PDB file of N, CA and C in Angstrom:
ATOM      1  N   UNK A   1      -7.579  -4.356  -6.845  1.00  0.00           N
ATOM      2  CA  UNK A   1      -7.662  -4.272  -5.406  1.00  0.00           C
ATOM      3  C   UNK A   1      -9.097  -3.954  -5.032  1.00  0.00           C
ATOM      4  N   UNK A   2      -9.603  -4.656  -4.053  1.00  0.00           N
ATOM      5  CA  UNK A   2     -10.967  -4.410  -3.579  1.00  0.00           C
ATOM      6  C   UNK A   2     -10.963  -4.316  -2.066  1.00  0.00           C
ATOM      7  N   UNK A   3     -11.865  -3.517  -1.555  1.00  0.00           N
ATOM      8  CA  UNK A   3     -11.995  -3.366  -0.115  1.00  0.00           C
ATOM      9  C   UNK A   3     -13.478  -3.222   0.193  1.00  0.00           C
ATOM     10  N   UNK A   4     -13.944  -3.948   1.193  1.00  0.00           N
ATOM     11  CA  UNK A   4     -15.356  -3.933   1.551  1.00  0.00           C
ATOM     12  C   UNK A   4     -15.504  -3.392   2.965  1.00  0.00           C
ATOM     13  N   UNK A   5     -16.463  -2.494   3.151  1.00  0.00           N
ATOM     14  CA  UNK A   5     -16.743  -1.914   4.469  1.00  0.00           C
ATOM     15  C   UNK A   5     -18.221  -2.071   4.783  1.00  0.00           C
ATOM     16  N   UNK A   6     -18.517  -2.263   6.033  1.00  0.00           N
ATOM     17  CA  UNK A   6     -19.895  -2.241   6.500  1.00  0.00           C
ATOM     18  C   UNK A   6     -20.372  -0.790   6.500  1.00  0.00           C
ATOM     19  N   UNK A   7     -21.638  -0.580   6.303  1.00  0.00           N
ATOM     20  CA  UNK A   7     -22.173   0.783   6.323  1.00  0.00           C
ATOM     21  C   UNK A   7     -21.995   1.453   7.676  1.00  0.00           C
ATOM     22  N   UNK A   8     -21.837   0.656   8.724  1.00  0.00           N
ATOM     23  CA  UNK A   8     -21.695   1.201  10.069  1.00  0.00           C
ATOM     24  C   UNK A   8     -20.263   1.615  10.396  1.00  0.00           C
ATOM     25  N   UNK A   9     -19.327   1.358   9.494  1.00  0.00           N
ATOM     26  CA  UNK A   9     -17.916   1.674   9.732  1.00  0.00           C
ATOM     27  C   UNK A   9     -17.538   2.905   8.917  1.00  0.00           C
ATOM     28  N   UNK A  10     -16.960   3.884   9.595  1.00  0.00           N
ATOM     29  CA  UNK A  10     -16.555   5.117   8.912  1.00  0.00           C
ATOM     30  C   UNK A  10     -15.411   4.854   7.937  1.00  0.00           C
ATOM     31  N   UNK A  11     -15.264   5.724   6.966  1.00  0.00           N
ATOM     32  CA  UNK A  11     -14.204   5.614   5.970  1.00  0.00           C
ATOM     33  C   UNK A  11     -13.365   6.886   5.981  1.00  0.00           C
ATOM     34  N   UNK A  12     -12.103   6.708   5.694  1.00  0.00           N
ATOM     35  CA  UNK A  12     -11.183   7.838   5.608  1.00  0.00           C
ATOM     36  C   UNK A  12     -10.785   7.977   4.144  1.00  0.00           C
ATOM     37  N   UNK A  13     -11.276   8.997   3.478  1.00  0.00           N
ATOM     38  CA  UNK A  13     -11.026   9.168   2.048  1.00  0.00           C
ATOM     39  C   UNK A  13      -9.535   9.301   1.770  1.00  0.00           C
ATOM     40  N   UNK A  14      -8.802  10.020   2.604  1.00  0.00           N
ATOM     41  CA  UNK A  14      -7.355  10.177   2.389  1.00  0.00           C
ATOM     42  C   UNK A  14      -6.648   8.827   2.438  1.00  0.00           C
ATOM     43  N   UNK A  15      -7.058   7.958   3.365  1.00  0.00           N
ATOM     44  CA  UNK A  15      -6.444   6.629   3.469  1.00  0.00           C
ATOM     45  C   UNK A  15      -6.786   5.780   2.252  1.00  0.00           C
ATOM     46  N   UNK A  16      -8.009   5.867   1.789  1.00  0.00           N
ATOM     47  CA  UNK A  16      -8.402   5.123   0.594  1.00  0.00           C
ATOM     48  C   UNK A  16      -7.596   5.587  -0.614  1.00  0.00           C
ATOM     49  N   UNK A  17      -7.413   6.889  -0.775  1.00  0.00           N
ATOM     50  CA  UNK A  17      -6.618   7.417  -1.888  1.00  0.00           C
ATOM     51  C   UNK A  17      -5.154   7.011  -1.764  1.00  0.00           C
ATOM     52  N   UNK A  18      -4.615   6.990  -0.539  1.00  0.00           N
ATOM     53  CA  UNK A  18      -3.232   6.575  -0.323  1.00  0.00           C
ATOM     54  C   UNK A  18      -3.045   5.126  -0.773  1.00  0.00           C
ATOM     55  N   UNK A  19      -3.981   4.265  -0.409  1.00  0.00           N
ATOM     56  CA  UNK A  19      -3.884   2.855  -0.797  1.00  0.00           C
ATOM     57  C   UNK A  19      -4.072   2.677  -2.300  1.00  0.00           C
ATOM     58  N   UNK A  20      -4.942   3.474  -2.907  1.00  0.00           N
ATOM     59  CA  UNK A  20      -5.129   3.416  -4.355  1.00  0.00           C
ATOM     60  C   UNK A  20      -3.845   3.814  -5.075  1.00  0.00           C
ATOM     61  N   UNK A  21      -3.186   4.876  -4.613  1.00  0.00           N
ATOM     62  CA  UNK A  21      -1.920   5.305  -5.219  1.00  0.00           C
ATOM     63  C   UNK A  21      -0.847   4.236  -5.055  1.00  0.00           C
ATOM     64  N   UNK A  22      -0.829   3.560  -3.917  1.00  0.00           N
ATOM     65  CA  UNK A  22       0.141   2.479  -3.703  1.00  0.00           C
ATOM     66  C   UNK A  22      -0.126   1.330  -4.671  1.00  0.00           C
ATOM     67  N   UNK A  23      -1.392   0.989  -4.873  1.00  0.00           N
ATOM     68  CA  UNK A  23      -1.743  -0.077  -5.813  1.00  0.00           C
ATOM     69  C   UNK A  23      -1.353   0.302  -7.239  1.00  0.00           C
ATOM     70  N   UNK A  24      -1.594   1.548  -7.613  1.00  0.00           N
ATOM     71  CA  UNK A  24      -1.216   2.015  -8.953  1.00  0.00           C
ATOM     72  C   UNK A  24       0.300   1.993  -9.122  1.00  0.00           C
ATOM     73  N   UNK A  25       1.016   2.402  -8.086  1.00  0.00           N
ATOM     74  CA  UNK A  25       2.475   2.435  -8.159  1.00  0.00           C
ATOM     75  C   UNK A  25       3.034   1.027  -8.351  1.00  0.00           C
ATOM     76  N   UNK A  26       2.567   0.083  -7.534  1.00  0.00           N
ATOM     77  CA  UNK A  26       3.111  -1.272  -7.637  1.00  0.00           C
ATOM     78  C   UNK A  26       2.727  -1.931  -8.956  1.00  0.00           C
ATOM     79  N   UNK A  27       1.579  -1.572  -9.517  1.00  0.00           N
ATOM     80  CA  UNK A  27       1.196  -2.108 -10.825  1.00  0.00           C
ATOM     81  C   UNK A  27       2.137  -1.594 -11.909  1.00  0.00           C
ATOM     82  N   UNK A  28       2.597  -0.361 -11.769  1.00  0.00           N
ATOM     83  CA  UNK A  28       3.485   0.252 -12.761  1.00  0.00           C
ATOM     84  C   UNK A  28       4.960  -0.075 -12.525  1.00  0.00           C
ATOM     85  N   UNK A  29       5.294  -0.594 -11.342  1.00  0.00           N
ATOM     86  CA  UNK A  29       6.684  -0.891 -10.982  1.00  0.00           C
ATOM     87  C   UNK A  29       6.807  -2.313 -10.444  1.00  0.00           C
ATOM     88  N   UNK A  30       6.753  -3.310 -11.340  1.00  0.00           N
ATOM     89  CA  UNK A  30       6.862  -4.701 -10.892  1.00  0.00           C
ATOM     90  C   UNK A  30       8.167  -4.932 -10.115  1.00  0.00           C
ATOM     91  N   UNK A  31       8.089  -5.751  -9.093  1.00  0.00           N
ATOM     92  CA  UNK A  31       9.281  -6.053  -8.305  1.00  0.00           C
ATOM     93  C   UNK A  31       9.470  -5.123  -7.121  1.00  0.00           C
ATOM     94  N   UNK A  32       8.616  -4.110  -6.995  1.00  0.00           N
ATOM     95  CA  UNK A  32       8.682  -3.200  -5.852  1.00  0.00           C
ATOM     96  C   UNK A  32       7.405  -3.346  -5.035  1.00  0.00           C
ATOM     97  N   UNK A  33       7.506  -3.129  -3.741  1.00  0.00           N
ATOM     98  CA  UNK A  33       6.323  -3.128  -2.885  1.00  0.00           C
ATOM     99  C   UNK A  33       6.334  -1.868  -2.030  1.00  0.00           C
ATOM    100  N   UNK A  34       5.164  -1.446  -1.639  1.00  0.00           N
ATOM    101  CA  UNK A  34       5.023  -0.259  -0.792  1.00  0.00           C
ATOM    102  C   UNK A  34       4.854  -0.718   0.654  1.00  0.00           C
ATOM    103  N   UNK A  35       5.725  -0.283   1.545  1.00  0.00           N
ATOM    104  CA  UNK A  35       5.591  -0.674   2.946  1.00  0.00           C
ATOM    105  C   UNK A  35       4.363  -0.022   3.588  1.00  0.00           C
ATOM    106  N   UNK A  36       4.014  -0.479   4.770  1.00  0.00           N
ATOM    107  CA  UNK A  36       2.877   0.086   5.502  1.00  0.00           C
ATOM    108  C   UNK A  36       3.036   1.595   5.631  1.00  0.00           C
ATOM    109  N   UNK A  37       1.940   2.290   5.521  1.00  0.00           N
ATOM    110  CA  UNK A  37       1.881   3.753   5.648  1.00  0.00           C
ATOM    111  C   UNK A  37       2.677   4.483   4.568  1.00  0.00           C
ATOM    112  N   UNK A  38       2.945   3.794   3.443  1.00  0.00           N
ATOM    113  CA  UNK A  38       3.659   4.400   2.321  1.00  0.00           C
ATOM    114  C   UNK A  38       2.856   5.566   1.769  1.00  0.00           C
ATOM    115  N   UNK A  39       3.550   6.633   1.404  1.00  0.00           N
ATOM    116  CA  UNK A  39       2.938   7.778   0.733  1.00  0.00           C
ATOM    117  C   UNK A  39       3.671   8.038  -0.572  1.00  0.00           C
ATOM    118  N   UNK A  40       2.965   8.596  -1.525  1.00  0.00           N
ATOM    119  CA  UNK A  40       3.528   8.876  -2.842  1.00  0.00           C
ATOM    120  C   UNK A  40       4.838   9.644  -2.707  1.00  0.00           C
ATOM    121  N   UNK A  41       5.871   9.161  -3.389  1.00  0.00           N
ATOM    122  CA  UNK A  41       7.184   9.797  -3.346  1.00  0.00           C
ATOM    123  C   UNK A  41       8.123   9.177  -2.324  1.00  0.00           C
ATOM    124  N   UNK A  42       7.575   8.367  -1.415  1.00  0.00           N
ATOM    125  CA  UNK A  42       8.413   7.714  -0.401  1.00  0.00           C
ATOM    126  C   UNK A  42       9.127   6.508  -1.017  1.00  0.00           C
ATOM    127  N   UNK A  43      10.137   6.022  -0.323  1.00  0.00           N
ATOM    128  CA  UNK A  43      10.886   4.866  -0.811  1.00  0.00           C
ATOM    129  C   UNK A  43      10.023   3.612  -0.778  1.00  0.00           C
ATOM    130  N   UNK A  44      10.273   2.740  -1.742  1.00  0.00           N
ATOM    131  CA  UNK A  44       9.639   1.429  -1.767  1.00  0.00           C
ATOM    132  C   UNK A  44      10.707   0.400  -1.432  1.00  0.00           C
ATOM    133  N   UNK A  45      10.298  -0.851  -1.341  1.00  0.00           N
ATOM    134  CA  UNK A  45      11.265  -1.906  -1.051  1.00  0.00           C
ATOM    135  C   UNK A  45      11.086  -3.042  -2.047  1.00  0.00           C
ATOM    136  N   UNK A  46      12.126  -3.831  -2.191  1.00  0.00           N
ATOM    137  CA  UNK A  46      12.058  -5.032  -3.012  1.00  0.00           C
ATOM    138  C   UNK A  46      11.811  -6.203  -2.063  1.00  0.00           C
ATOM    139  N   UNK A  47      10.797  -7.026  -2.333  1.00  0.00           N
ATOM    140  CA  UNK A  47      10.516  -8.140  -1.439  1.00  0.00           C
ATOM    141  C   UNK A  47      11.698  -9.094  -1.360  1.00  0.00           C
ATOM    142  N   UNK A  48      11.946  -9.605  -0.167  1.00  0.00           N
ATOM    143  CA  UNK A  48      13.070 -10.509   0.045  1.00  0.00           C
ATOM    144  C   UNK A  48      12.830 -11.313   1.316  1.00  0.00           C
ATOM    145  N   UNK A  49      13.231 -12.566   1.309  1.00  0.00           N
ATOM    146  CA  UNK A  49      13.132 -13.382   2.521  1.00  0.00           C
ATOM    147  C   UNK A  49      13.989 -12.801   3.637  1.00  0.00           C
ATOM    148  N   UNK A  50      15.031 -12.057   3.288  1.00  0.00           N
ATOM    149  CA  UNK A  50      15.893 -11.435   4.298  1.00  0.00           C
ATOM    150  C   UNK A  50      15.150 -10.377   5.115  1.00  0.00           C
ATOM    151  N   UNK A  51      14.042  -9.861   4.598  1.00  0.00           N
ATOM    152  CA  UNK A  51      13.287  -8.819   5.300  1.00  0.00           C
ATOM    153  C   UNK A  51      12.267  -9.380   6.294  1.00  0.00           C
ATOM    154  N   UNK A  52      11.995 -10.678   6.221  1.00  0.00           N
ATOM    155  CA  UNK A  52      10.981 -11.283   7.085  1.00  0.00           C
ATOM    156  C   UNK A  52      11.328 -11.044   8.550  1.00  0.00           C
ATOM    157  N   UNK A  53      10.392 -10.454   9.274  1.00  0.00           N
ATOM    158  CA  UNK A  53      10.568 -10.174  10.691  1.00  0.00           C
ATOM    159  C   UNK A  53      11.369  -8.930  11.002  1.00  0.00           C
ATOM    160  N   UNK A  54      11.828  -8.213   9.975  1.00  0.00           N
ATOM    161  CA  UNK A  54      12.658  -7.025  10.195  1.00  0.00           C
ATOM    162  C   UNK A  54      11.920  -5.723   9.927  1.00  0.00           C
ATOM    163  N   UNK A  55      10.773  -5.801   9.268  1.00  0.00           N
ATOM    164  CA  UNK A  55      10.024  -4.570   8.990  1.00  0.00           C
ATOM    165  C   UNK A  55       8.605  -4.698   9.473  1.00  0.00           C
TER     166      UNK A  55
END
C-alpha cells in the first residue's frame, strides 16, 4: 500500500496507522475486507455483489 501527499497537506499520524493496521489485517486474512473507518478489533466484511450500494 502506498500513499502520496503534497508537502502542503497536513497528515494525521493516527489515521495513517489505522490504515496501515487495516492493510496488515487484510494481508493476514484473505477473503476479508475492512470497511471505511475500520479500527483494530472491529468487525470486517466478506466482499459480495450483494453488498453493492448497501454500505
